PDB file of N, CA and C in Angstrom:
ATOM      1  N   MET A   1     113.771 118.221 103.787  1.00  0.00           N
ATOM      2  CA  MET A   1     113.391 116.961 103.812  1.00  0.00           C
ATOM      3  C   MET A   1     113.812 116.603 102.311  1.00  0.00           C
ATOM      4  N   MET A   2     113.737 115.524 102.295  1.00  0.00           N
ATOM      5  CA  MET A   2     114.344 114.622 101.298  1.00  0.00           C
ATOM      6  C   MET A   2     114.415 114.669 100.060  1.00  0.00           C
ATOM      7  N   LEU A   3     114.694 114.463  98.990  1.00  0.00           N
ATOM      8  CA  LEU A   3     114.284 115.230  97.470  1.00  0.00           C
ATOM      9  C   LEU A   3     114.070 113.669  96.973  1.00  0.00           C
ATOM     10  N   ILE A   4     113.376 113.284  96.776  1.00  0.00           N
ATOM     11  CA  ILE A   4     113.314 111.758  95.745  1.00  0.00           C
ATOM     12  C   ILE A   4     113.385 112.180  94.437  1.00  0.00           C
ATOM     13  N   SER A   5     115.222 111.701  93.848  1.00  0.00           N
ATOM     14  CA  SER A   5     115.352 111.485  92.259  1.00  0.00           C
ATOM     15  C   SER A   5     114.075 111.437  91.209  1.00  0.00           C
ATOM     16  N   ALA A   6     113.141 109.958  91.077  1.00  0.00           N
ATOM     17  CA  ALA A   6     112.247 109.256  90.319  1.00  0.00           C
ATOM     18  C   ALA A   6     110.970 109.231  91.519  1.00  0.00           C
ATOM     19  N   MET A   7     110.095 109.840  90.657  1.00  0.00           N
ATOM     20  CA  MET A   7     108.995 109.281  90.993  1.00  0.00           C
ATOM     21  C   MET A   7     108.550 108.292  91.243  1.00  0.00           C
ATOM     22  N   ILE A   8     107.680 107.702  92.075  1.00  0.00           N
ATOM     23  CA  ILE A   8     107.740 106.199  93.247  1.00  0.00           C
ATOM     24  C   ILE A   8     106.715 105.661  91.315  1.00  0.00           C
ATOM     25  N   LEU A   9     105.592 106.867  90.533  1.00  0.00           N
ATOM     26  CA  LEU A   9     105.149 105.721  89.629  1.00  0.00           C
ATOM     27  C   LEU A   9     106.305 104.848  88.953  1.00  0.00           C
ATOM     28  N   GLU A  10     107.024 105.512  88.271  1.00  0.00           N
ATOM     29  CA  GLU A  10     109.000 105.174  87.689  1.00  0.00           C
ATOM     30  C   GLU A  10     109.466 103.787  88.776  1.00  0.00           C
ATOM     31  N   ARG A  11     109.562 104.285  89.890  1.00  0.00           N
ATOM     32  CA  ARG A  11     110.047 102.760  90.630  1.00  0.00           C
ATOM     33  C   ARG A  11     109.465 101.971  90.829  1.00  0.00           C
ATOM     34  N   VAL A  12     108.677 102.332  91.306  1.00  0.00           N
ATOM     35  CA  VAL A  12     107.191 101.139  91.838  1.00  0.00           C
ATOM     36  C   VAL A  12     106.275 100.459  90.377  1.00  0.00           C
ATOM     37  N   PRO A  13     106.513 100.690  88.481  1.00  0.00           N
ATOM     38  CA  PRO A  13     105.617 100.318  87.186  1.00  0.00           C
ATOM     39  C   PRO A  13     104.984  99.890  88.505  1.00  0.00           C
ATOM     40  N   GLN A  14     104.871  98.795  88.982  1.00  0.00           N
ATOM     41  CA  GLN A  14     103.804  97.534  89.682  1.00  0.00           C
ATOM     42  C   GLN A  14     102.526  98.799  89.801  1.00  0.00           C
ATOM     43  N   VAL A  15     102.580  99.259  90.301  1.00  0.00           N
ATOM     44  CA  VAL A  15     101.166 100.475  90.440  1.00  0.00           C
ATOM     45  C   VAL A  15      99.832 100.921  89.760  1.00  0.00           C
ATOM     46  N   LYS A  16     100.705 100.654  88.872  1.00  0.00           N
ATOM     47  CA  LYS A  16     100.242 101.192  87.109  1.00  0.00           C
ATOM     48  C   LYS A  16      99.313 100.380  87.163  1.00  0.00           C
ATOM     49  N   GLU A  17      99.833  98.738  87.166  1.00  0.00           N
ATOM     50  CA  GLU A  17      99.378  97.493  87.205  1.00  0.00           C
ATOM     51  C   GLU A  17      97.690  97.136  87.694  1.00  0.00           C
ATOM     52  N   MET A  18      97.577  98.818  89.053  1.00  0.00           N
ATOM     53  CA  MET A  18      96.584  97.411  89.687  1.00  0.00           C
ATOM     54  C   MET A  18      95.219  98.446  89.636  1.00  0.00           C
ATOM     55  N   SER A  19      94.271  97.574  89.848  1.00  0.00           N
ATOM     56  CA  SER A  19      92.692  98.558  89.989  1.00  0.00           C
ATOM     57  C   SER A  19      92.618  99.415  90.268  1.00  0.00           C
ATOM     58  N   LEU A  20      91.925  99.849  90.789  1.00  0.00           N
ATOM     59  CA  LEU A  20      91.334 101.486  91.563  1.00  0.00           C
ATOM     60  C   LEU A  20      91.322 100.660  92.474  1.00  0.00           C
ATOM     61  N   ALA A  21      89.900  99.610  92.457  1.00  0.00           N
ATOM     62  CA  ALA A  21      90.126  99.055  94.404  1.00  0.00           C
ATOM     63  C   ALA A  21      91.472  99.181  94.999  1.00  0.00           C
ATOM     64  N   GLU A  22      92.480  98.223  93.708  1.00  0.00           N
ATOM     65  CA  GLU A  22      94.185  98.340  95.025  1.00  0.00           C
ATOM     66  C   GLU A  22      94.533  99.607  95.222  1.00  0.00           C
ATOM     67  N   LYS A  23      93.915 100.495  94.494  1.00  0.00           N
ATOM     68  CA  LYS A  23      94.901 101.441  94.610  1.00  0.00           C
ATOM     69  C   LYS A  23      94.763 102.330  95.883  1.00  0.00           C
ATOM     70  N   VAL A  24      93.609 102.535  95.977  1.00  0.00           N
ATOM     71  CA  VAL A  24      92.131 102.726  96.995  1.00  0.00           C
ATOM     72  C   VAL A  24      92.976 102.255  98.552  1.00  0.00           C
ATOM     73  N   GLN A  25      93.236 101.022  98.210  1.00  0.00           N
ATOM     74  CA  GLN A  25      93.113  99.807  99.410  1.00  0.00           C
ATOM     75  C   GLN A  25      95.140 100.420 100.050  1.00  0.00           C
ATOM     76  N   LEU A  26      96.432 100.698  98.663  1.00  0.00           N
ATOM     77  CA  LEU A  26      97.903 100.926  99.216  1.00  0.00           C
ATOM     78  C   LEU A  26      97.589 102.061  99.121  1.00  0.00           C
ATOM     79  N   TYR A  27      96.014 103.203  99.245  1.00  0.00           N
ATOM     80  CA  TYR A  27      96.183 104.382 100.158  1.00  0.00           C
ATOM     81  C   TYR A  27      96.276 104.275 101.079  1.00  0.00           C
ATOM     82  N   ASP A  28      94.743 104.407 101.503  1.00  0.00           N
ATOM     83  CA  ASP A  28      94.734 103.328 102.600  1.00  0.00           C
ATOM     84  C   ASP A  28      95.365 103.155 103.894  1.00  0.00           C
ATOM     85  N   GLU A  29      96.341 101.822 103.466  1.00  0.00           N
ATOM     86  CA  GLU A  29      97.497 101.251 103.932  1.00  0.00           C
ATOM     87  C   GLU A  29      98.755 102.557 103.687  1.00  0.00           C
ATOM     88  N   LEU A  30      99.135 103.579 102.516  1.00  0.00           N
ATOM     89  CA  LEU A  30     100.009 104.772 103.122  1.00  0.00           C
ATOM     90  C   LEU A  30      99.397 104.724 104.512  1.00  0.00           C
ATOM     91  N   TRP A  31      97.921 106.087 103.910  1.00  0.00           N
ATOM     92  CA  TRP A  31      97.509 107.125 105.046  1.00  0.00           C
ATOM     93  C   TRP A  31      97.912 106.414 106.788  1.00  0.00           C
ATOM     94  N   HIS A  32      97.097 105.346 106.816  1.00  0.00           N
ATOM     95  CA  HIS A  32      97.651 104.842 107.503  1.00  0.00           C
ATOM     96  C   HIS A  32      98.910 104.288 108.772  1.00  0.00           C
ATOM     97  N   GLU A  33      99.817 103.720 107.825  1.00  0.00           N
ATOM     98  CA  GLU A  33     101.309 104.401 108.181  1.00  0.00           C
ATOM     99  C   GLU A  33     101.958 105.594 108.798  1.00  0.00           C
ATOM    100  N   LEU A  34     101.484 106.964 107.707  1.00  0.00           N
ATOM    101  CA  LEU A  34     102.010 107.620 107.917  1.00  0.00           C
ATOM    102  C   LEU A  34     100.810 108.649 109.317  1.00  0.00           C
ATOM    103  N   GLU A  35      99.746 108.138 109.636  1.00  0.00           N
ATOM    104  CA  GLU A  35      99.095 108.237 111.372  1.00  0.00           C
ATOM    105  C   GLU A  35     100.126 108.975 111.457  1.00  0.00           C
ATOM    106  N   ALA A  36     101.579 108.184 112.206  1.00  0.00           N
ATOM    107  CA  ALA A  36     101.842 108.011 113.262  1.00  0.00           C
ATOM    108  C   ALA A  36     103.128 109.119 112.972  1.00  0.00           C
ATOM    109  N   HIS A  37     103.677 109.538 111.794  1.00  0.00           N
ATOM    110  CA  HIS A  37     104.671 110.552 111.888  1.00  0.00           C
ATOM    111  C   HIS A  37     103.750 111.697 111.566  1.00  0.00           C
ATOM    112  N   PHE A  38     102.383 111.700 111.387  1.00  0.00           N
ATOM    113  CA  PHE A  38     102.229 113.421 111.151  1.00  0.00           C
ATOM    114  C   PHE A  38     102.761 114.488 112.286  1.00  0.00           C
ATOM    115  N   GLN A  39     102.366 113.862 113.805  1.00  0.00           N
ATOM    116  CA  GLN A  39     103.369 114.419 114.849  1.00  0.00           C
ATOM    117  C   GLN A  39     104.093 115.393 114.452  1.00  0.00           C
ATOM    118  N   ARG A  40     104.904 115.245 113.311  1.00  0.00           N
ATOM    119  CA  ARG A  40     106.293 115.422 113.798  1.00  0.00           C
ATOM    120  C   ARG A  40     106.481 116.293 111.817  1.00  0.00           C
ATOM    121  N   LEU A  41     105.544 116.384 110.604  1.00  0.00           N
ATOM    122  CA  LEU A  41     105.486 116.740 109.865  1.00  0.00           C
ATOM    123  C   LEU A  41     105.317 118.087 110.095  1.00  0.00           C
ATOM    124  N   PRO A  42     106.236 119.198 109.393  1.00  0.00           N
ATOM    125  CA  PRO A  42     106.863 120.479 109.420  1.00  0.00           C
ATOM    126  C   PRO A  42     105.631 120.635 109.122  1.00  0.00           C
ATOM    127  N   MET A  43     104.721 121.720 109.737  1.00  0.00           N
ATOM    128  CA  MET A  43     103.767 122.859 108.993  1.00  0.00           C
ATOM    129  C   MET A  43     104.604 124.314 109.031  1.00  0.00           C
ATOM    130  N   ASP A  44     103.707 124.532 107.521  1.00  0.00           N
ATOM    131  CA  ASP A  44     103.876 126.612 107.402  1.00  0.00           C
ATOM    132  C   ASP A  44     102.737 126.947 107.561  1.00  0.00           C
ATOM    133  N   GLU A  45     102.737 128.467 107.640  1.00  0.00           N
ATOM    134  CA  GLU A  45     101.676 129.330 108.274  1.00  0.00           C
ATOM    135  C   GLU A  45     100.699 129.315 107.649  1.00  0.00           C
ATOM    136  N   GLY A  46     100.543 129.007 106.664  1.00  0.00           N
ATOM    137  CA  GLY A  46      99.690 128.897 105.130  1.00  0.00           C
ATOM    138  C   GLY A  46      98.684 127.257 105.306  1.00  0.00           C
ATOM    139  N   MET A  47      99.438 126.684 105.673  1.00  0.00           N
ATOM    140  CA  MET A  47      99.169 125.139 106.118  1.00  0.00           C
ATOM    141  C   MET A  47      97.312 125.286 107.449  1.00  0.00           C
ATOM    142  N   ILE A  48      98.467 126.036 108.235  1.00  0.00           N
ATOM    143  CA  ILE A  48      97.213 126.086 109.474  1.00  0.00           C
ATOM    144  C   ILE A  48      96.596 127.168 109.724  1.00  0.00           C
ATOM    145  N   ALA A  49      96.877 128.214 108.427  1.00  0.00           N
ATOM    146  CA  ALA A  49      95.619 129.064 108.107  1.00  0.00           C
ATOM    147  C   ALA A  49      94.646 128.243 107.871  1.00  0.00           C
ATOM    148  N   ASP A  50      95.086 127.481 106.792  1.00  0.00           N
ATOM    149  CA  ASP A  50      93.309 127.101 105.965  1.00  0.00           C
ATOM    150  C   ASP A  50      92.847 125.934 107.022  1.00  0.00           C
ATOM    151  N   MET A  51      93.320 125.385 107.683  1.00  0.00           N
ATOM    152  CA  MET A  51      92.753 124.200 108.704  1.00  0.00           C
ATOM    153  C   MET A  51      92.376 124.753 109.356  1.00  0.00           C
ATOM    154  N   ASP A  52      92.808 125.307 109.481  1.00  0.00           N
ATOM    155  CA  ASP A  52      91.629 126.800 110.902  1.00  0.00           C
ATOM    156  C   ASP A  52      90.520 127.326 110.196  1.00  0.00           C
ATOM    157  N   ARG A  53      91.148 127.675 108.502  1.00  0.00           N
ATOM    158  CA  ARG A  53      89.739 128.015 108.378  1.00  0.00           C
ATOM    159  C   ARG A  53      88.485 126.973 107.976  1.00  0.00           C
ATOM    160  N   GLU A  54      89.086 125.898 107.474  1.00  0.00           N
ATOM    161  CA  GLU A  54      88.329 125.039 107.582  1.00  0.00           C
ATOM    162  C   GLU A  54      87.766 124.556 108.312  1.00  0.00           C
ATOM    163  N   LEU A  55      88.004 123.813 110.027  1.00  0.00           N
ATOM    164  CA  LEU A  55      87.493 123.888 110.720  1.00  0.00           C
ATOM    165  C   LEU A  55      86.480 124.645 111.943  1.00  0.00           C
ATOM    166  N   GLU A  56      86.649 126.353 111.258  1.00  0.00           N
ATOM    167  CA  GLU A  56      85.792 127.355 111.438  1.00  0.00           C
ATOM    168  C   GLU A  56      84.613 126.677 110.701  1.00  0.00           C
ATOM    169  N   GLU A  57      84.691 126.285 109.683  1.00  0.00           N
ATOM    170  CA  GLU A  57      83.408 126.235 108.745  1.00  0.00           C
ATOM    171  C   GLU A  57      82.247 125.540 108.571  1.00  0.00           C
ATOM    172  N   TYR A  58      83.131 124.152 109.176  1.00  0.00           N
ATOM    173  CA  TYR A  58      82.905 122.992 109.778  1.00  0.00           C
ATOM    174  C   TYR A  58      82.122 123.217 111.192  1.00  0.00           C
ATOM    175  N   ARG A  59      82.288 124.226 111.663  1.00  0.00           N
ATOM    176  CA  ARG A  59      82.242 125.004 113.107  1.00  0.00           C
ATOM    177  C   ARG A  59      80.695 125.142 113.149  1.00  0.00           C
ATOM    178  N   LEU A  60      80.790 126.892 111.768  1.00  0.00           N
ATOM    179  CA  LEU A  60      79.443 126.675 112.247  1.00  0.00           C
ATOM    180  C   LEU A  60      78.359 126.288 111.296  1.00  0.00           C
ATOM    181  N   ASP A  61      78.504 124.822 110.558  1.00  0.00           N
ATOM    182  CA  ASP A  61      77.321 124.575 109.502  1.00  0.00           C
ATOM    183  C   ASP A  61      77.965 123.032 109.322  1.00  0.00           C
ATOM    184  N   PRO A  62      78.114 122.286 110.571  1.00  0.00           N
ATOM    185  CA  PRO A  62      78.459 120.400 110.237  1.00  0.00           C
ATOM    186  C   PRO A  62      77.866 120.181 109.887  1.00  0.00           C
ATOM    187  N   SER A  63      76.640 120.422 109.580  1.00  0.00           N
ATOM    188  CA  SER A  63      75.820 119.500 108.189  1.00  0.00           C
ATOM    189  C   SER A  63      77.266 119.322 106.658  1.00  0.00           C
ATOM    190  N   LYS A  64      77.611 120.310 106.220  1.00  0.00           N
ATOM    191  CA  LYS A  64      78.525 120.240 105.327  1.00  0.00           C
ATOM    192  C   LYS A  64      79.166 119.600 105.632  1.00  0.00           C
ATOM    193  N   GLY A  65      79.542 119.219 106.280  1.00  0.00           N
ATOM    194  CA  GLY A  65      81.619 118.483 106.995  1.00  0.00           C
ATOM    195  C   GLY A  65      80.638 116.656 106.422  1.00  0.00           C
ATOM    196  N   SER A  66      82.060 115.761 106.680  1.00  0.00           N
ATOM    197  CA  SER A  66      81.905 114.039 106.150  1.00  0.00           C
ATOM    198  C   SER A  66      82.438 113.154 107.605  1.00  0.00           C
ATOM    199  N   THR A  67      82.133 112.627 107.886  1.00  0.00           N
ATOM    200  CA  THR A  67      83.044 111.780 108.101  1.00  0.00           C
ATOM    201  C   THR A  67      83.803 110.802 108.177  1.00  0.00           C
ATOM    202  N   TRP A  68      85.482 111.341 108.608  1.00  0.00           N
ATOM    203  CA  TRP A  68      85.950 109.986 107.355  1.00  0.00           C
ATOM    204  C   TRP A  68      85.602 108.914 107.811  1.00  0.00           C
ATOM    205  N   GLU A  69      84.959 107.760 107.996  1.00  0.00           N
ATOM    206  CA  GLU A  69      84.064 106.933 107.771  1.00  0.00           C
ATOM    207  C   GLU A  69      83.206 106.516 106.335  1.00  0.00           C
ATOM    208  N   GLU A  70      82.660 108.366 106.336  1.00  0.00           N
ATOM    209  CA  GLU A  70      82.071 108.668 104.886  1.00  0.00           C
ATOM    210  C   GLU A  70      83.135 109.075 103.987  1.00  0.00           C
ATOM    211  N   VAL A  71      83.532 109.702 103.877  1.00  0.00           N
ATOM    212  CA  VAL A  71      84.649 109.328 103.032  1.00  0.00           C
ATOM    213  C   VAL A  71      84.607 108.260 102.927  1.00  0.00           C
ATOM    214  N   ARG A  72      85.285 107.624 103.195  1.00  0.00           N
ATOM    215  CA  ARG A  72      86.703 106.981 103.072  1.00  0.00           C
ATOM    216  C   ARG A  72      85.080 105.537 102.075  1.00  0.00           C
ATOM    217  N   SER A  73      83.966 105.625 102.762  1.00  0.00           N
ATOM    218  CA  SER A  73      82.928 104.569 102.400  1.00  0.00           C
ATOM    219  C   SER A  73      82.747 104.933 100.721  1.00  0.00           C
ATOM    220  N   ARG A  74      82.635 106.220 100.585  1.00  0.00           N
ATOM    221  CA  ARG A  74      82.583 107.053  99.230  1.00  0.00           C
ATOM    222  C   ARG A  74      83.058 106.419  98.888  1.00  0.00           C
ATOM    223  N   ILE A  75      84.026 106.693  98.070  1.00  0.00           N
ATOM    224  CA  ILE A  75      86.086 106.449  97.938  1.00  0.00           C
ATOM    225  C   ILE A  75      85.622 104.654  97.641  1.00  0.00           C
ATOM    226  N   ARG A  76      85.928 104.440  98.199  1.00  0.00           N
ATOM    227  CA  ARG A  76      84.995 102.565  98.285  1.00  0.00           C
ATOM    228  C   ARG A  76      84.726 102.743  97.150  1.00  0.00           C
ATOM    229  N   SER A  77      83.099 102.617  97.687  1.00  0.00           N
ATOM    230  CA  SER A  77      82.205 101.960  97.177  1.00  0.00           C
ATOM    231  C   SER A  77      82.513 102.229  95.710  1.00  0.00           C
ATOM    232  N   ARG A  78      83.973 103.701  94.847  1.00  0.00           N
ATOM    233  CA  ARG A  78      83.207 104.852  93.381  1.00  0.00           C
ATOM    234  C   ARG A  78      84.716 103.948  93.164  1.00  0.00           C
ATOM    235  N   ALA A  79      85.899 102.862  94.282  1.00  0.00           N
ATOM    236  CA  ALA A  79      86.259 102.293  93.580  1.00  0.00           C
ATOM    237  C   ALA A  79      86.253 100.753  92.771  1.00  0.00           C
ATOM    238  N   ARG A  80      84.954 100.238  94.140  1.00  0.00           N
ATOM    239  CA  ARG A  80      84.440  99.645  93.277  1.00  0.00           C
ATOM    240  C   ARG A  80      83.718  99.015  91.614  1.00  0.00           C
ATOM    241  N   LYS A  81      82.854 100.808  92.210  1.00  0.00           N
ATOM    242  CA  LYS A  81      82.604 100.270  90.464  1.00  0.00           C
ATOM    243  C   LYS A  81      82.888 100.566  89.274  1.00  0.00           C
ATOM    244  N   GLY A  82      85.075 100.759  90.057  1.00  0.00           N
ATOM    245  CA  GLY A  82      85.913 100.754  88.981  1.00  0.00           C
ATOM    246  C   GLY A  82      85.289 103.145  88.490  1.00  0.00           C
ATOM    247  N   VAL A  83      84.652 103.663  89.523  1.00  0.00           N
ATOM    248  CA  VAL A  83      84.617 105.140  88.796  1.00  0.00           C
ATOM    249  C   VAL A  83      86.089 106.307  88.832  1.00  0.00           C
TER     250      VAL A  83
END
């Protein structure tokens, strides 16, 4: 993995000036940009075990989970309220 010499917020200070809604939008855009690369991300045994555990918990009781659309809606709602 490549080491980054400075935090992104130090190199792009304009992000600190963005509203919460803009930051959520940036996060959403970055997430979609990264989706194409997820297949190539290295995963260790612990990460795989965590995801397997969470998937099993969801299978046992799907009512405790949320769809991505529900999660995104809650995030955007909070961003509009400034929470």
